[in-house]
C-alpha atoms as a PDB file:
ATOM      1  CA  MET A   1      -0.191  -0.127   0.145  1.00  0.00           C
ATOM      2  CA  SER A   2       1.309   3.404  -0.931  1.00  0.00           C
ATOM      3  CA  LYS A   3       2.061   6.025   1.614  1.00  0.00           C
ATOM      4  CA  GLU A   4       0.895   8.573  -0.779  1.00  0.00           C
ATOM      5  CA  LYS A   5      -2.027  10.673   0.129  1.00  0.00           C
ATOM      6  CA  ALA A   6      -5.548   9.944  -2.262  1.00  0.00           C
ATOM      7  CA  PRO A   7      -6.654  12.350  -4.421  1.00  0.00           C
ATOM      8  CA  VAL A   8      -9.710  14.285  -4.247  1.00  0.00           C
ATOM      9  CA  THR A   9     -11.633  13.594  -7.452  1.00  0.00           C
ATOM     10  CA  GLN A  10     -15.643  14.474  -8.569  1.00  0.00           C
ATOM     11  CA  ALA A  11     -15.878  10.921  -7.678  1.00  0.00           C
ATOM     12  CA  VAL A  12     -14.605  11.534  -4.105  1.00  0.00           C
ATOM     13  CA  ARG A  13     -16.711  15.102  -3.954  1.00  0.00           C
ATOM     14  CA  MET A  14     -19.678  12.928  -4.849  1.00  0.00           C
ATOM     15  CA  LEU A  15     -18.854  10.534  -1.750  1.00  0.00           C
ATOM     16  CA  ARG A  16     -18.116  13.347   0.473  1.00  0.00           C
ATOM     17  CA  GLU A  17     -21.688  15.329  -0.420  1.00  0.00           C
ATOM     18  CA  HIS A  18     -23.771  12.375   0.174  1.00  0.00           C
ATOM     19  CA  GLN A  19     -22.003  11.515   3.440  1.00  0.00           C
ATOM     20  CA  VAL A  20     -21.150   7.881   1.835  1.00  0.00           C
ATOM     21  CA  ALA A  21     -18.867   5.791   4.389  1.00  0.00           C
ATOM     22  CA  TYR A  22     -16.083   4.803   2.223  1.00  0.00           C
ATOM     23  CA  THR A  23     -12.122   3.408   2.900  1.00  0.00           C
ATOM     24  CA  GLU A  24      -9.352   4.746   0.460  1.00  0.00           C
ATOM     25  CA  HIS A  25      -7.182   2.181  -1.700  1.00  0.00           C
ATOM     26  CA  LEU A  26      -4.185   3.380  -3.600  1.00  0.00           C
ATOM     27  CA  TYR A  27      -2.212   0.504  -5.779  1.00  0.00           C
ATOM     28  CA  LYS A  28       0.225   0.948  -8.671  1.00  0.00           C
ATOM     29  CA  TYR A  29      -1.705   1.171 -11.736  1.00  0.00           C
ATOM     30  CA  GLU A  30      -0.591  -1.329 -14.223  1.00  0.00           C
ATOM     31  CA  GLU A  31      -1.812  -0.300 -17.977  1.00  0.00           C
ATOM     32  CA  LYS A  32      -4.419  -3.353 -19.462  1.00  0.00           C
ATOM     33  CA  GLY A  33      -3.634  -4.876 -16.118  1.00  0.00           C
ATOM     34  CA  GLY A  34      -7.695  -4.338 -14.863  1.00  0.00           C
ATOM     35  CA  THR A  35      -9.467  -5.485 -11.659  1.00  0.00           C
ATOM     36  CA  ARG A  36      -7.146  -8.887 -11.704  1.00  0.00           C
ATOM     37  CA  VAL A  37      -4.389  -6.091 -10.975  1.00  0.00           C
ATOM     38  CA  SER A  38      -6.013  -4.332  -8.160  1.00  0.00           C
ATOM     39  CA  ALA A  39      -7.880  -7.057  -6.439  1.00  0.00           C
ATOM     40  CA  ARG A  40      -4.120  -8.982  -6.253  1.00  0.00           C
ATOM     41  CA  GLU A  41      -2.326  -5.357  -4.965  1.00  0.00           C
ATOM     42  CA  LEU A  42      -5.675  -4.813  -2.627  1.00  0.00           C
ATOM     43  CA  GLY A  43      -5.483  -8.565  -1.416  1.00  0.00           C
ATOM     44  CA  VAL A  44      -9.427  -8.927  -2.136  1.00  0.00           C
ATOM     45  CA  ASP A  45     -11.526 -11.105  -4.011  1.00  0.00           C
ATOM     46  CA  GLU A  46     -11.735  -9.903  -7.918  1.00  0.00           C
ATOM     47  CA  HIS A  47     -15.298 -10.447  -7.774  1.00  0.00           C
ATOM     48  CA  ALA A  48     -15.743  -7.700  -4.894  1.00  0.00           C
ATOM     49  CA  VAL A  49     -13.427  -5.628  -7.546  1.00  0.00           C
ATOM     50  CA  ILE A  50     -16.468  -3.406  -9.524  1.00  0.00           C
ATOM     51  CA  LYS A  51     -15.802  -2.486 -13.576  1.00  0.00           C
ATOM     52  CA  THR A  52     -17.282   0.757 -14.548  1.00  0.00           C
ATOM     53  CA  LEU A  53     -17.905   0.589 -18.122  1.00  0.00           C
ATOM     54  CA  VAL A  54     -19.095   3.349 -20.307  1.00  0.00           C
ATOM     55  CA  MET A  55     -21.646   1.453 -23.274  1.00  0.00           C
ATOM     56  CA  GLU A  56     -23.853   2.739 -25.406  1.00  0.00           C
ATOM     57  CA  ASP A  57     -27.243   1.673 -27.110  1.00  0.00           C
ATOM     58  CA  GLU A  58     -27.915   1.959 -30.753  1.00  0.00           C
ATOM     59  CA  GLN A  59     -28.849   5.671 -30.744  1.00  0.00           C
ATOM     60  CA  ARG A  60     -25.698   5.995 -29.324  1.00  0.00           C
ATOM     61  CA  LYS A  61     -27.000   7.079 -25.754  1.00  0.00           C
ATOM     62  CA  PRO A  62     -24.266   6.537 -23.203  1.00  0.00           C
ATOM     63  CA  LEU A  63     -24.859   4.032 -19.947  1.00  0.00           C
ATOM     64  CA  ILE A  64     -22.922   2.735 -17.308  1.00  0.00           C
ATOM     65  CA  VAL A  65     -22.503  -0.241 -16.585  1.00  0.00           C
ATOM     66  CA  LEU A  66     -21.700  -1.849 -13.499  1.00  0.00           C
ATOM     67  CA  MET A  67     -19.769  -5.203 -13.162  1.00  0.00           C
ATOM     68  CA  HIS A  68     -18.321  -7.827 -11.285  1.00  0.00           C
ATOM     69  CA  GLY A  69     -14.308  -7.718 -12.321  1.00  0.00           C
ATOM     70  CA  ASP A  70     -14.407 -11.635 -13.180  1.00  0.00           C
ATOM     71  CA  CYS A  71     -17.161 -10.943 -15.200  1.00  0.00           C
ATOM     72  CA  GLU A  72     -18.034  -9.927 -18.675  1.00  0.00           C
ATOM     73  CA  VAL A  73     -21.233  -7.970 -19.883  1.00  0.00           C
ATOM     74  CA  ALA A  74     -23.462 -10.440 -21.879  1.00  0.00           C
ATOM     75  CA  THR A  75     -24.305  -7.326 -24.177  1.00  0.00           C
ATOM     76  CA  GLY A  76     -27.102  -9.042 -25.697  1.00  0.00           C
ATOM     77  CA  MET A  77     -28.904  -9.735 -22.522  1.00  0.00           C
ATOM     78  CA  LEU A  78     -28.346  -6.512 -21.330  1.00  0.00           C
ATOM     79  CA  ALA A  79     -30.105  -4.829 -24.021  1.00  0.00           C
ATOM     80  CA  LYS A  80     -33.179  -7.010 -24.174  1.00  0.00           C
ATOM     81  CA  GLN A  81     -33.493  -6.077 -20.234  1.00  0.00           C
ATOM     82  CA  ILE A  82     -33.141  -2.629 -20.862  1.00  0.00           C
ATOM     83  CA  GLY A  83     -35.348  -2.278 -24.279  1.00  0.00           C
ATOM     84  CA  ALA A  84     -32.617  -1.091 -26.362  1.00  0.00           C
ATOM     85  CA  LYS A  85     -31.971  -3.051 -29.563  1.00  0.00           C
ATOM     86  CA  LYS A  86     -28.100  -3.340 -29.151  1.00  0.00           C
ATOM     87  CA  ILE A  87     -25.566  -2.436 -26.603  1.00  0.00           C
ATOM     88  CA  THR A  88     -21.672  -1.788 -27.285  1.00  0.00           C
ATOM     89  CA  PRO A  89     -18.845  -0.649 -25.212  1.00  0.00           C
ATOM     90  CA  CYS A  90     -17.486   3.245 -25.969  1.00  0.00           C
ATOM     91  CA  ASP A  91     -14.192   3.743 -27.470  1.00  0.00           C
ATOM     92  CA  PRO A  92     -12.012   5.300 -24.792  1.00  0.00           C
ATOM     93  CA  LYS A  93     -11.751   8.459 -25.889  1.00  0.00           C
ATOM     94  CA  THR A  94     -16.068   8.476 -26.496  1.00  0.00           C
ATOM     95  CA  ALA A  95     -15.950   6.777 -22.772  1.00  0.00           C
ATOM     96  CA  ASP A  96     -13.600   9.572 -21.455  1.00  0.00           C
ATOM     97  CA  LYS A  97     -15.755  12.491 -22.613  1.00  0.00           C
ATOM     98  CA  HIS A  98     -19.474  11.120 -21.367  1.00  0.00           C
ATOM     99  CA  SER A  99     -17.602  10.534 -17.805  1.00  0.00           C
ATOM    100  CA  GLY A 100     -15.172  13.393 -17.312  1.00  0.00           C
ATOM    101  CA  TYR A 101     -13.040  10.145 -16.610  1.00  0.00           C
ATOM    102  CA  GLN A 102      -9.941   8.454 -18.168  1.00  0.00           C
ATOM    103  CA  VAL A 103     -10.214   5.304 -19.054  1.00  0.00           C
ATOM    104  CA  GLY A 104      -8.693   2.890 -16.296  1.00  0.00           C
ATOM    105  CA  GLY A 105     -10.073   5.234 -13.595  1.00  0.00           C
ATOM    106  CA  THR A 106     -13.279   5.718 -14.238  1.00  0.00           C
ATOM    107  CA  SER A 107     -15.840   6.072 -11.586  1.00  0.00           C
ATOM    108  CA  PRO A 108     -19.439   5.818 -12.053  1.00  0.00           C
ATOM    109  CA  PHE A 109     -19.728   8.942  -9.056  1.00  0.00           C
ATOM    110  CA  GLY A 110     -19.223  12.356 -10.369  1.00  0.00           C
ATOM    111  CA  THR A 111     -19.478  11.657 -14.077  1.00  0.00           C
ATOM    112  CA  LYS A 112     -19.235  14.922 -16.474  1.00  0.00           C
ATOM    113  CA  SER A 113     -22.475  13.622 -18.212  1.00  0.00           C
ATOM    114  CA  LYS A 114     -25.779  11.951 -16.103  1.00  0.00           C
ATOM    115  CA  MET A 115     -26.073   8.446 -17.413  1.00  0.00           C
ATOM    116  CA  PRO A 116     -28.408   5.979 -16.243  1.00  0.00           C
ATOM    117  CA  VAL A 117     -26.426   3.165 -14.293  1.00  0.00           C
ATOM    118  CA  TYR A 118     -26.904  -0.850 -14.380  1.00  0.00           C
ATOM    119  CA  MET A 119     -25.577  -2.845 -12.404  1.00  0.00           C
ATOM    120  CA  ALA A 120     -24.786  -6.335 -11.822  1.00  0.00           C
ATOM    121  CA  ALA A 121     -27.482  -8.015  -9.356  1.00  0.00           C
ATOM    122  CA  GLY A 122     -25.071  -9.871  -7.316  1.00  0.00           C
ATOM    123  CA  ILE A 123     -23.311  -6.883  -6.792  1.00  0.00           C
ATOM    124  CA  ALA A 124     -25.649  -5.990  -4.308  1.00  0.00           C
ATOM    125  CA  GLU A 125     -25.436  -9.020  -2.426  1.00  0.00           C
ATOM    126  CA  LEU A 126     -21.794  -8.755  -1.410  1.00  0.00           C
ATOM    127  CA  PRO A 127     -20.690  -7.277   2.140  1.00  0.00           C
ATOM    128  CA  ARG A 128     -18.117  -5.148   0.432  1.00  0.00           C
ATOM    129  CA  ILE A 129     -17.294  -3.746  -2.803  1.00  0.00           C
ATOM    130  CA  TYR A 130     -14.061  -1.709  -4.551  1.00  0.00           C
ATOM    131  CA  ILE A 131     -14.737   0.739  -6.831  1.00  0.00           C
ATOM    132  CA  ASN A 132     -13.116   2.993  -9.180  1.00  0.00           C
ATOM    133  CA  GLY A 133     -12.568   6.498  -7.331  1.00  0.00           C
ATOM    134  CA  GLY A 134     -11.927   8.332 -10.195  1.00  0.00           C
ATOM    135  CA  LYS A 135      -8.293   7.766 -10.903  1.00  0.00           C
ATOM    136  CA  ARG A 136      -6.027   5.129 -12.053  1.00  0.00           C
ATOM    137  CA  GLY A 137      -4.811   3.141  -9.662  1.00  0.00           C
ATOM    138  CA  PHE A 138      -7.421   4.781  -6.782  1.00  0.00           C
ATOM    139  CA  LEU A 139     -10.270   2.219  -5.313  1.00  0.00           C
ATOM    140  CA  VAL A 140     -12.564   3.195  -2.763  1.00  0.00           C
ATOM    141  CA  GLY A 141     -14.197   0.253  -0.778  1.00  0.00           C
ATOM    142  CA  MET A 142     -17.804   0.582   0.620  1.00  0.00           C
ATOM    143  CA  ALA A 143     -21.073  -1.561   1.145  1.00  0.00           C
ATOM    144  CA  PRO A 144     -22.644  -1.958  -1.916  1.00  0.00           C
ATOM    145  CA  ALA A 145     -26.202  -0.482  -0.263  1.00  0.00           C
ATOM    146  CA  GLU A 146     -24.288   3.228  -0.116  1.00  0.00           C
ATOM    147  CA  LEU A 147     -23.958   2.756  -4.013  1.00  0.00           C
ATOM    148  CA  GLN A 148     -27.455   1.631  -4.460  1.00  0.00           C
ATOM    149  CA  ARG A 149     -28.360   4.619  -2.450  1.00  0.00           C
ATOM    150  CA  VAL A 150     -26.411   7.324  -4.304  1.00  0.00           C
ATOM    151  CA  LEU A 151     -26.970   6.159  -7.663  1.00  0.00           C
ATOM    152  CA  GLN A 152     -30.135   4.369  -7.448  1.00  0.00           C
ATOM    153  CA  PRO A 153     -28.997   1.947 -10.250  1.00  0.00           C
ATOM    154  CA  VAL A 154     -30.799  -0.564 -12.045  1.00  0.00           C
ATOM    155  CA  LEU A 155     -30.485  -3.846 -11.011  1.00  0.00           C
ATOM    156  CA  VAL A 156     -29.477  -6.434 -14.128  1.00  0.00           C
ATOM    157  CA  ASP A 157     -28.724  -9.975 -15.169  1.00  0.00           C
ATOM    158  CA  ALA A 158     -26.234  -9.524 -17.612  1.00  0.00           C
ATOM    159  CA  SER A 159     -23.167 -11.385 -16.395  1.00  0.00           C
ATOM    160  CA  ALA A 160     -21.076 -13.608 -19.673  1.00  0.00           C
END
């Protein structure tokens, strides 16, 4: 664990504003390492490390999908559940534009654009989750109920 001070990102500001009880976890970011690296660095189960994915529907409307780190999003299943024809991941530049964060450091909290949030239903059943705090190499830990209270995500069953 690094001794450096955690950054104050838009995500952190939003968490503070909503009085969310959370812990800060810094780790050495590895390009393309994903949740496997962050889980290893924090010594937690990758299933509890939550990915924040910026995707879009067939009309190019952006949305956020929160998924277990060790799972993939079944975009066809997701599209069917939310009434879209098709869901595709945004390219990194478009994702950055919608979220206001850099891919690899995307948090669902404090995004630049307001987007609907869809969350894998299993996340709500975990005792604690670790999710990006708005910067590469920075996760925040919290109870899933806190995330649900603040973001009010739609629960979906879209794990591949």
